[in-house]
Each structure stands twice: as C-alpha cells, then as structure tokens.
Amino acid sequence: MTRNPLFDVVIVGAGLAGAATAAVLGRQGRRVALVDPRPVAPPMFKAEKIEPDQADLLRRLDLMEEVRRRAAPIRVIQVAHRAHVLRSMSMEQYGILYPHLVNAVREQIPASVEQRSARVTAVEPTGDARTVHLDVGEPITARLVVVACGTGSKLYETLGVRHRMVRMAHSLCSGFDIARTDGRPFAFDALTCYPDTTRDGIDYVSLFAIPGRMRVNLFAYLEATDRWALALRKEPRLAMERAFPWLQRLLGDYQVTTKIENRVIDLYVADAQPLDGVVMIGDALQSVCPATGTGLSKVLTDVVLLCEEYVPTWLRFNDLSASVIAQFYGDPRKRACDSNSLKAAQYRRRLATDRSPLGWLHRRKTFADIAVRGLCARLLGYEMPAPIALDGTM
C-alpha cells in the first residue's frame, strides 16, 4: 500500500481551469504537479472577454492583477439593433485572447509546483493513491487527480466517462479583427449588435477592444458548411453587410484585417460517475456555448469551490472516496452555475432561430425592454456616456 505518494494533487491539463487550480493549491503549500503537453498555451479561439463576475472570481483567487495588465479594459458596452444604439451600460469587462489569459495565470503558478510537459495516458489506483501514467517519463503518484483537460481527451475513455450530447453542432462561433480604413480608433470600447431578422440564424455580433486592436466575435446557429458561414470566410465584409446592413453607419468604413477563425460548439454533459481520488472540473464535465458569456464563470466557480472548500477538507481527513468526491459534483452552487449556463445556451438559440409568431413577438419585446431600460438610465443619469452617433463618432 502506498503510504506516501509523491504529490498531494496531480492536475491534468493546464488550460484556465488547470492553471488556476495549480496556482491556488500551490500557494496553499500543497505538493502539486501540473501535466500538459505544451509549456505555454497555444493559439486557440476560445473565450476572449472577461465578464464582471469572472473578474470578481479571478480577484477572489488572487489572479486578476496579472491578467488585467494583459487585457484591454472595457468601460462601456453599447447595444444596437436596426441601426440604433438602444442602451449604453457602464460595466467592468476586459478583452483578452484566451491564450494570453491562460499564460497570465500560468505565470502565477508558484515554483513549488512541478510542471511536466507530457500527455496523461491513464490513471489507475495504487493502494491509497493514484498512479498517473504519462506518454513521456516516469509515472506520478498522487492522493488526488484533478482532470481539467477540456474537451476531446482520450483520457475520458480510460476513466469510463461518457458524454451525453445535448445538441451536436449547437452553435458556430467566429472570430476576427477589424480596423477603420481611415486609421482612426473606433468610438466605443464594446458594441453588441443584433440582426434585424432570424433569417440567417445569427444571434449577435460583439465588437470589443483587446490590446492593440478591435476584436469581433460572431455567434450563430448554423452548420460550418452553411452558405452564409462559407460567405463569411470568403467575403467577410459582404457577409456582415447582409446580416447587419446598417453596421457601417455605426462603425464608419472598416475592413477585416485577419482571417476568420471558426469554432463549432457541441453541447454535452458528462456522465461522470464519482471515482475514488479523481475529480473532474470545467469543460471536462460540461461544455458551454460562448454566446452565453458563462464559460469562464463556470470554470472559475469550479476552481473556487474545489480549492477553497473541497480539496483542503479531503486532504485534511484523508478521505478521497467516490462518495466524498460526489459531494463536489452535487454542490448546489456548482449545479446552479452549470444549469444556468445550459439553460442560457438553449434560450439564446431559441431567441435567434424561432420564426413563429410567438417567437417574433418575444424578440420584439426583448429589444423594446432593452430600449426602455436604456432610455430610463439616460434620463435618470445612471449610465455613461452618450451613445455613439450613426457616423461612428462620439
């Protein structure tokens, strides 16, 4: 029986979930190993905006300051529909590419955490510990294994984890950069635009500052081979004008300056039967539609609960049985966060694709509510500054 495993915790995967967990547990003085095939986060089109609750969670984990240095602050978000800015909201957000976010967190991992560039091939029990087998180097033993390797890992098969598909190809997310042709900066930090109709299955387009440039995220409920999606890749400006014929009136004359990055989102929920000494977090348990803006919230909620409450208790009492691990999966705060994210994904799809009379009425009511809130806020002086003019200037 293994009495003294080398590590308290081995973390599989150094994306945001794994890197944040390693940083927090390492600061607590735990014996931690972090395993990932890449020493730095590779280019990846994923979450690119930090919402207010996510900034609060990063601050709670004492990770936000370094992230903030690499992000562009977003002070005001403007919401537009049919060429009119309906609302301007003062809000703390940040624009940052996902690899930069992850690397900012990785750099805050204490030197006491052992980082190994390898791929985990299997996890098996060894007495009262777990042996983590790697494709390179010697295996590692630990009391607890945290699986944070996102989507598509072959490790799930060896753990007996199955993913129940809620909807395959639920949404299509596209990302690219734009710039004004006259070289002037855009007259906003962030602008969210909704299309006039549900004809193209587009939810909305979000334009927001990231360091040095303006980023565009577009969310739609289309196949990657859909005619409009193909047109976006081939002639992005023309495709945007079809979906948002009034967009240039808000932006000024602009051009697309980078290639279109696409990501197809499958909605799934893991059938994660609790295992002795193994816990899964983040996208390993449930995917997120980026249109909801809840992805980082779900990941960081898992990290906060795991690092602040569950891991300290499990290690203190040396009880990592499946029944104890199950308490994390059943935590009401975690379940509420996961449930809200899934419901939001399904709601956003209905809002953007329902062509029935009731769907049309609900959509009209939604935009009317936004406009009324914006008008009331301006009249009462609660929000700043004034909406942009139609020519793209303040």
Protein backbone atom coordinates (compact mmCIF):
# COMPACT_ATOMS: atom_id res chain seq x y z
CA MET A 1 0.00 0.00 0.00
CA THR A 2 1.33 3.41 -0.96
CA ARG A 3 1.64 5.41 2.24
CA ASN A 4 3.47 8.50 1.00
CA PRO A 5 2.60 9.42 -2.59
CA LEU A 6 4.90 11.92 -4.23
CA PHE A 7 2.21 14.57 -4.63
CA ASP A 8 -0.94 15.64 -2.89
CA VAL A 9 -2.54 16.61 -6.19
CA VAL A 10 -1.79 15.97 -9.86
CA ILE A 11 -3.65 18.28 -12.26
CA VAL A 12 -4.20 17.04 -15.79
CA GLY A 13 -4.41 19.94 -18.25
CA ALA A 14 -3.05 23.49 -17.98
CA GLY A 15 -5.84 25.48 -19.56
CA LEU A 16 -7.55 28.08 -17.41
CA ALA A 17 -9.12 25.53 -15.06
CA GLY A 18 -5.93 23.55 -14.51
CA ALA A 19 -3.57 26.52 -14.34
CA ALA A 20 -5.77 28.38 -11.85
CA THR A 21 -6.12 25.26 -9.69
CA ALA A 22 -2.34 24.74 -9.72
CA ALA A 23 -1.70 28.37 -8.77
CA VAL A 24 -4.14 28.36 -5.85
CA LEU A 25 -3.23 24.94 -4.44
CA GLY A 26 0.48 25.68 -4.86
CA ARG A 27 0.08 28.86 -2.83
CA GLN A 28 -1.63 26.83 -0.12
CA GLY A 29 1.56 24.80 0.24
CA ARG A 30 0.19 21.62 -1.35
CA ARG A 31 2.51 19.26 -3.18
CA VAL A 32 1.23 19.77 -6.71
CA ALA A 33 2.18 18.55 -10.18
CA LEU A 34 0.70 20.06 -13.34
CA VAL A 35 0.82 17.99 -16.52
CA ASP A 36 0.20 19.37 -20.01
CA PRO A 37 1.77 18.61 -23.40
CA ARG A 38 2.63 22.27 -24.03
CA PRO A 39 4.77 24.52 -21.82
CA VAL A 40 2.74 27.60 -22.86
CA ALA A 41 -0.84 27.93 -24.03
CA PRO A 42 -1.03 27.54 -27.83
CA PRO A 43 -3.10 29.77 -30.13
CA MET A 44 -6.74 28.87 -29.58
CA PHE A 45 -10.03 30.57 -30.42
CA LYS A 46 -11.95 30.41 -27.18
CA ALA A 47 -13.27 32.83 -24.52
CA GLU A 48 -12.00 36.34 -25.33
CA LYS A 49 -13.86 38.58 -22.89
CA ILE A 50 -13.88 38.67 -19.08
CA GLU A 51 -17.29 39.49 -17.61
CA PRO A 52 -17.75 41.34 -14.29
CA ASP A 53 -18.49 38.21 -12.22
CA GLN A 54 -15.47 36.50 -13.78
CA ALA A 55 -13.21 39.40 -12.83
CA ASP A 56 -14.53 39.07 -9.27
CA LEU A 57 -13.78 35.34 -9.24
CA LEU A 58 -10.24 35.95 -10.54
CA ARG A 59 -9.74 38.55 -7.81
CA ARG A 60 -11.02 36.09 -5.22
CA LEU A 61 -8.39 33.63 -6.44
CA ASP A 62 -5.77 36.45 -6.37
CA LEU A 63 -5.11 36.02 -10.10
CA MET A 64 -6.70 39.12 -11.60
CA GLU A 65 -3.92 41.69 -11.31
CA GLU A 66 -1.58 39.98 -13.77
CA VAL A 67 -4.49 39.20 -16.10
CA ARG A 68 -5.59 42.84 -16.02
CA ARG A 69 -2.16 44.00 -17.15
CA ARG A 70 -2.53 41.99 -20.36
CA ALA A 71 -6.14 42.89 -21.11
CA ALA A 72 -7.90 45.89 -22.61
CA PRO A 73 -10.38 47.49 -20.19
CA ILE A 74 -13.95 47.80 -21.43
CA ARG A 75 -15.76 50.56 -19.58
CA VAL A 76 -18.99 50.95 -21.56
CA ILE A 77 -20.93 48.44 -23.63
CA GLN A 78 -23.36 49.73 -26.23
CA VAL A 79 -26.22 47.61 -27.55
CA ALA A 80 -27.55 48.24 -31.06
CA HIS A 81 -30.45 46.97 -33.17
CA ARG A 82 -31.74 48.26 -36.53
CA ALA A 83 -29.02 50.94 -36.68
CA HIS A 84 -29.98 52.41 -33.31
CA VAL A 85 -27.99 52.21 -30.11
CA LEU A 86 -30.62 51.11 -27.60
CA ARG A 87 -28.56 51.19 -24.46
CA SER A 88 -25.14 52.14 -23.09
CA MET A 89 -24.09 50.26 -19.99
CA SER A 90 -21.23 51.14 -17.68
CA MET A 91 -19.65 47.82 -16.78
CA GLU A 92 -16.29 46.29 -15.87
CA GLN A 93 -15.20 43.97 -18.65
CA TYR A 94 -11.85 43.10 -20.24
CA GLY A 95 -10.89 41.95 -23.70
CA ILE A 96 -8.10 39.38 -23.87
CA LEU A 97 -7.29 36.44 -26.13
CA TYR A 98 -7.68 33.10 -24.39
CA PRO A 99 -4.01 32.01 -24.71
CA HIS A 100 -2.91 35.31 -23.16
CA LEU A 101 -5.36 34.79 -20.30
CA VAL A 102 -4.09 31.27 -19.64
CA ASN A 103 -0.44 32.28 -19.86
CA ALA A 104 -1.05 35.17 -17.45
CA VAL A 105 -2.43 32.64 -14.95
CA ARG A 106 0.34 30.10 -15.63
CA GLU A 107 2.99 32.69 -14.79
CA GLN A 108 1.46 32.99 -11.33
CA ILE A 109 1.95 29.30 -10.52
CA PRO A 110 4.48 29.02 -7.68
CA ALA A 111 7.87 27.46 -8.38
CA SER A 112 6.99 24.73 -5.86
CA VAL A 113 4.51 23.29 -8.39
CA GLU A 114 6.23 20.75 -10.63
CA GLN A 115 5.23 21.26 -14.25
CA ARG A 116 5.70 18.41 -16.70
CA SER A 117 5.35 18.59 -20.48
CA ALA A 118 3.63 15.30 -21.19
CA ARG A 119 0.30 13.75 -22.04
CA VAL A 120 -1.57 11.64 -19.49
CA THR A 121 -2.48 8.24 -20.89
CA ALA A 122 -4.15 6.60 -17.90
CA VAL A 123 -4.96 6.94 -14.20
CA GLU A 124 -5.13 3.86 -12.03
CA PRO A 125 -5.42 3.17 -8.30
CA THR A 126 -2.29 2.21 -6.39
CA GLY A 127 -3.15 1.42 -2.81
CA ASP A 128 -4.49 4.60 -1.23
CA ALA A 129 -3.04 6.77 -4.05
CA ARG A 130 -3.43 7.17 -7.82
CA THR A 131 -0.78 6.49 -10.42
CA VAL A 132 -0.82 8.87 -13.38
CA HIS A 133 0.80 7.35 -16.45
CA LEU A 134 2.47 9.69 -18.94
CA ASP A 135 3.49 9.29 -22.56
CA VAL A 136 6.92 10.69 -21.63
CA GLY A 137 8.85 9.99 -18.44
CA GLU A 138 8.05 8.13 -15.27
CA PRO A 139 4.52 7.88 -13.89
CA ILE A 140 3.44 10.10 -10.99
CA THR A 141 1.64 9.07 -7.82
CA ALA A 142 -0.74 11.40 -6.01
CA ARG A 143 -3.51 11.34 -3.45
CA LEU A 144 -5.87 13.24 -5.75
CA VAL A 145 -6.06 13.65 -9.53
CA VAL A 146 -7.84 16.73 -10.92
CA VAL A 147 -8.92 16.21 -14.53
CA ALA A 148 -9.05 19.61 -16.26
CA CYS A 149 -8.21 18.72 -19.86
CA GLY A 150 -11.26 20.24 -21.50
CA THR A 151 -12.89 18.57 -24.48
CA GLY A 152 -11.87 15.63 -26.60
CA SER A 153 -9.30 13.95 -24.36
CA LYS A 154 -8.82 10.20 -24.79
CA LEU A 155 -8.27 10.01 -21.05
CA TYR A 156 -12.04 10.07 -20.52
CA GLU A 157 -12.39 6.64 -22.11
CA THR A 158 -9.91 5.11 -19.68
CA LEU A 159 -11.83 6.68 -16.79
CA GLY A 160 -15.14 5.32 -18.05
CA VAL A 161 -16.56 8.80 -18.63
CA ARG A 162 -19.24 9.20 -21.29
CA HIS A 163 -20.53 12.49 -22.63
CA ARG A 164 -24.28 12.80 -23.23
CA MET A 165 -24.85 15.01 -26.25
CA VAL A 166 -27.48 17.69 -25.64
CA ARG A 167 -27.12 19.08 -29.16
CA MET A 168 -24.38 18.37 -31.67
CA ALA A 169 -23.20 21.46 -33.58
CA HIS A 170 -25.29 23.63 -31.29
CA SER A 171 -23.65 26.86 -32.43
CA LEU A 172 -20.96 28.29 -34.68
CA CYS A 173 -18.63 30.95 -33.25
CA SER A 174 -16.46 33.12 -35.48
CA GLY A 175 -13.67 35.49 -34.50
CA PHE A 176 -11.68 38.09 -36.43
CA ASP A 177 -10.16 41.56 -36.18
CA ILE A 178 -11.34 44.76 -37.87
CA ALA A 179 -9.95 48.27 -38.31
CA ARG A 180 -11.28 51.53 -39.68
CA THR A 181 -9.95 52.27 -43.14
CA ASP A 182 -9.06 55.86 -42.16
CA GLY A 183 -6.81 54.59 -39.35
CA ARG A 184 -8.85 56.28 -36.62
CA PRO A 185 -9.85 54.36 -33.50
CA PHE A 186 -13.40 53.14 -33.10
CA ALA A 187 -15.60 55.35 -30.96
CA PHE A 188 -16.50 52.68 -28.42
CA ASP A 189 -14.96 50.12 -26.10
CA ALA A 190 -17.55 47.47 -26.94
CA LEU A 191 -20.59 47.29 -29.19
CA THR A 192 -23.11 44.43 -29.35
CA CYS A 193 -25.34 44.30 -32.45
CA TYR A 194 -28.39 42.15 -33.07
CA PRO A 195 -29.58 41.37 -36.61
CA ASP A 196 -32.93 42.57 -37.91
CA THR A 197 -34.32 39.09 -38.59
CA THR A 198 -33.84 35.41 -37.80
CA ARG A 199 -33.26 34.69 -41.50
CA ASP A 200 -29.58 33.77 -41.19
CA GLY A 201 -29.72 32.13 -37.75
CA ILE A 202 -27.37 34.75 -36.29
CA ASP A 203 -27.61 35.52 -32.60
CA TYR A 204 -25.44 38.64 -32.33
CA VAL A 205 -22.06 40.13 -33.10
CA SER A 206 -19.87 41.52 -30.33
CA LEU A 207 -17.15 44.05 -31.10
CA PHE A 208 -14.73 44.83 -28.28
CA ALA A 209 -11.26 46.10 -27.62
CA ILE A 210 -8.35 43.76 -27.00
CA PRO A 211 -4.82 45.11 -26.58
CA GLY A 212 -3.86 46.96 -29.75
CA ARG A 213 -6.92 46.23 -31.88
CA MET A 214 -10.67 45.68 -32.21
CA ARG A 215 -11.90 42.10 -31.97
CA VAL A 216 -15.14 40.70 -33.36
CA ASN A 217 -16.96 37.62 -32.05
CA LEU A 218 -19.99 36.49 -34.02
CA PHE A 219 -22.38 33.82 -32.73
CA ALA A 220 -24.74 31.92 -34.99
CA TYR A 221 -26.75 28.70 -35.07
CA LEU A 222 -25.51 27.34 -38.37
CA GLU A 223 -23.53 24.45 -39.75
CA ALA A 224 -19.96 25.33 -40.65
CA THR A 225 -20.87 24.48 -44.28
CA ASP A 226 -23.89 26.80 -44.35
CA ARG A 227 -23.90 29.24 -47.27
CA TRP A 228 -23.67 32.30 -45.04
CA ALA A 229 -20.88 30.77 -42.93
CA LEU A 230 -18.89 29.99 -46.07
CA ALA A 231 -19.51 33.52 -47.36
CA LEU A 232 -18.18 34.94 -44.09
CA ARG A 233 -14.89 33.13 -44.62
CA LYS A 234 -14.60 34.10 -48.29
CA GLU A 235 -16.02 37.66 -48.29
CA PRO A 236 -16.41 38.67 -44.64
CA ARG A 237 -17.31 42.30 -45.29
CA LEU A 238 -20.11 41.38 -47.71
CA ALA A 239 -21.45 38.68 -45.39
CA MET A 240 -21.52 41.14 -42.50
CA GLU A 241 -23.37 43.71 -44.62
CA ARG A 242 -26.02 41.12 -45.46
CA ALA A 243 -26.63 40.29 -41.80
CA PHE A 244 -26.15 43.86 -40.50
CA PRO A 245 -26.83 46.24 -43.43
CA TRP A 246 -26.55 49.25 -41.13
CA LEU A 247 -23.32 48.28 -39.36
CA GLN A 248 -21.11 50.67 -41.31
CA ARG A 249 -23.25 53.58 -40.13
CA LEU A 250 -22.18 52.74 -36.57
CA LEU A 251 -18.57 51.83 -37.25
CA GLY A 252 -17.52 54.07 -40.08
CA ASP A 253 -15.80 52.50 -43.09
CA TYR A 254 -13.91 49.42 -41.91
CA GLN A 255 -12.04 46.37 -43.14
CA VAL A 256 -11.49 42.86 -41.84
CA THR A 257 -7.78 42.53 -41.05
CA THR A 258 -7.35 38.87 -40.05
CA LYS A 259 -8.59 35.53 -41.25
CA ILE A 260 -11.87 34.20 -39.89
CA GLU A 261 -11.49 31.70 -37.05
CA ASN A 262 -14.42 29.32 -36.62
CA ARG A 263 -15.33 27.02 -33.78
CA VAL A 264 -18.25 24.60 -33.76
CA ILE A 265 -19.75 24.07 -30.31
CA ASP A 266 -21.28 20.76 -29.27
CA LEU A 267 -23.41 20.96 -26.14
CA TYR A 268 -22.77 17.96 -23.89
CA VAL A 269 -22.93 16.90 -20.26
CA ALA A 270 -20.55 14.29 -18.85
CA ASP A 271 -21.87 11.16 -17.24
CA ALA A 272 -19.24 11.44 -14.54
CA GLN A 273 -19.63 8.61 -12.08
CA PRO A 274 -17.62 9.55 -8.99
CA LEU A 275 -14.28 7.78 -8.79
CA ASP A 276 -12.00 7.30 -5.81
CA GLY A 277 -9.34 10.01 -5.82
CA VAL A 278 -10.35 11.58 -9.16
CA VAL A 279 -12.34 14.78 -9.71
CA MET A 280 -13.26 16.49 -12.99
CA ILE A 281 -13.72 20.23 -13.46
CA GLY A 282 -14.53 22.75 -16.18
CA ASP A 283 -15.28 21.64 -19.74
CA ALA A 284 -14.42 18.08 -18.78
CA LEU A 285 -17.86 17.96 -17.13
CA GLN A 286 -20.00 20.18 -19.36
CA SER A 287 -19.47 22.27 -22.46
CA VAL A 288 -20.57 25.88 -22.76
CA CYS A 289 -21.90 27.93 -25.66
CA PRO A 290 -19.73 31.07 -25.82
CA ALA A 291 -22.75 33.17 -26.82
CA THR A 292 -23.94 32.96 -23.21
CA GLY A 293 -20.80 34.57 -21.78
CA THR A 294 -20.84 31.98 -18.96
CA GLY A 295 -17.87 29.80 -19.88
CA LEU A 296 -15.28 31.41 -17.61
CA SER A 297 -17.88 31.73 -14.83
CA LYS A 298 -18.46 28.00 -14.83
CA VAL A 299 -14.75 27.17 -14.90
CA LEU A 300 -13.78 29.64 -12.18
CA THR A 301 -16.69 28.61 -9.94
CA ASP A 302 -15.39 25.04 -10.09
CA VAL A 303 -11.89 26.24 -9.18
CA VAL A 304 -13.08 28.38 -6.27
CA LEU A 305 -15.21 25.61 -4.75
CA LEU A 306 -12.60 22.92 -5.28
CA CYS A 307 -9.62 24.88 -3.95
CA GLU A 308 -11.26 26.80 -1.12
CA GLU A 309 -13.50 24.10 0.31
CA TYR A 310 -13.26 20.59 -1.05
CA VAL A 311 -9.57 19.82 -1.58
CA PRO A 312 -8.49 21.17 1.85
CA THR A 313 -11.18 19.06 3.53
CA TRP A 314 -10.46 15.92 1.51
CA LEU A 315 -6.72 16.10 2.21
CA ARG A 316 -7.14 17.02 5.87
CA PHE A 317 -9.29 13.97 6.60
CA ASN A 318 -7.51 11.79 4.02
CA ASP A 319 -10.86 10.73 2.58
CA LEU A 320 -10.98 10.76 -1.21
CA SER A 321 -13.56 8.04 -1.70
CA ALA A 322 -16.05 8.26 -4.56
CA SER A 323 -18.88 9.15 -2.17
CA VAL A 324 -16.89 12.12 -0.86
CA ILE A 325 -15.86 13.24 -4.37
CA ALA A 326 -19.56 13.16 -5.29
CA GLN A 327 -20.21 15.99 -2.85
CA PHE A 328 -18.35 18.36 -5.18
CA TYR A 329 -20.46 17.35 -8.18
CA GLY A 330 -23.61 17.79 -6.10
CA ASP A 331 -22.70 21.17 -4.60
CA PRO A 332 -25.79 23.38 -5.10
CA ARG A 333 -23.66 26.37 -6.14
CA LYS A 334 -21.90 24.35 -8.81
CA ARG A 335 -25.10 22.75 -10.03
CA ALA A 336 -26.83 26.12 -10.26
CA CYS A 337 -23.94 27.57 -12.27
CA ASP A 338 -23.87 24.58 -14.64
CA SER A 339 -27.65 24.58 -15.03
CA ASN A 340 -27.85 28.30 -15.72
CA SER A 341 -25.17 28.01 -18.40
CA LEU A 342 -27.00 25.19 -20.18
CA LYS A 343 -30.37 26.96 -19.99
CA ALA A 344 -28.84 30.17 -21.31
CA ALA A 345 -27.42 28.30 -24.31
CA GLN A 346 -30.81 26.83 -25.17
CA TYR A 347 -32.58 30.15 -24.66
CA ARG A 348 -30.19 32.08 -26.91
CA ARG A 349 -30.69 29.57 -29.72
CA ARG A 350 -34.47 29.87 -29.46
CA LEU A 351 -34.29 33.66 -29.45
CA ALA A 352 -32.20 33.70 -32.64
CA THR A 353 -33.98 30.96 -34.61
CA ASP A 354 -37.66 30.84 -33.60
CA ARG A 355 -39.64 32.14 -36.61
CA SER A 356 -43.09 31.50 -35.15
CA PRO A 357 -45.42 34.44 -34.35
CA LEU A 358 -44.72 33.92 -30.64
CA GLY A 359 -41.01 33.90 -31.30
CA TRP A 360 -41.27 37.11 -33.30
CA LEU A 361 -43.30 38.73 -30.52
CA HIS A 362 -40.82 37.67 -27.84
CA ARG A 363 -37.93 39.03 -29.87
CA ARG A 364 -39.69 42.38 -30.36
CA LYS A 365 -40.44 42.56 -26.63
CA THR A 366 -36.81 41.76 -25.78
CA PHE A 367 -35.47 44.67 -27.82
CA ALA A 368 -38.20 47.00 -26.56
CA ASP A 369 -37.22 46.17 -22.98
CA ILE A 370 -33.57 46.95 -23.75
CA ALA A 371 -34.53 50.27 -25.31
CA VAL A 372 -36.76 51.24 -22.38
CA ARG A 373 -34.04 50.40 -19.84
CA GLY A 374 -31.55 52.42 -21.85
CA LEU A 375 -33.85 55.42 -22.05
CA CYS A 376 -34.66 55.31 -18.34
CA ALA A 377 -30.99 55.01 -17.45
CA ARG A 378 -30.09 58.05 -19.56
CA LEU A 379 -32.93 60.11 -18.14
CA LEU A 380 -32.01 59.17 -14.57
CA GLY A 381 -28.28 59.70 -15.20
CA TYR A 382 -27.23 56.21 -14.11
CA GLU A 383 -25.21 55.32 -17.17
CA MET A 384 -22.39 56.95 -19.11
CA PRO A 385 -21.55 58.21 -21.72
CA ALA A 386 -23.92 59.12 -24.58
CA PRO A 387 -24.45 56.56 -27.38
CA ILE A 388 -22.30 56.84 -30.48
CA ALA A 389 -23.62 58.76 -33.44
CA LEU A 390 -24.55 56.98 -36.65
CA ASP A 391 -21.36 58.02 -38.39
CA GLY A 392 -19.21 56.20 -35.85
CA THR A 393 -18.14 59.29 -33.89
CA MET A 394 -18.99 60.30 -30.35
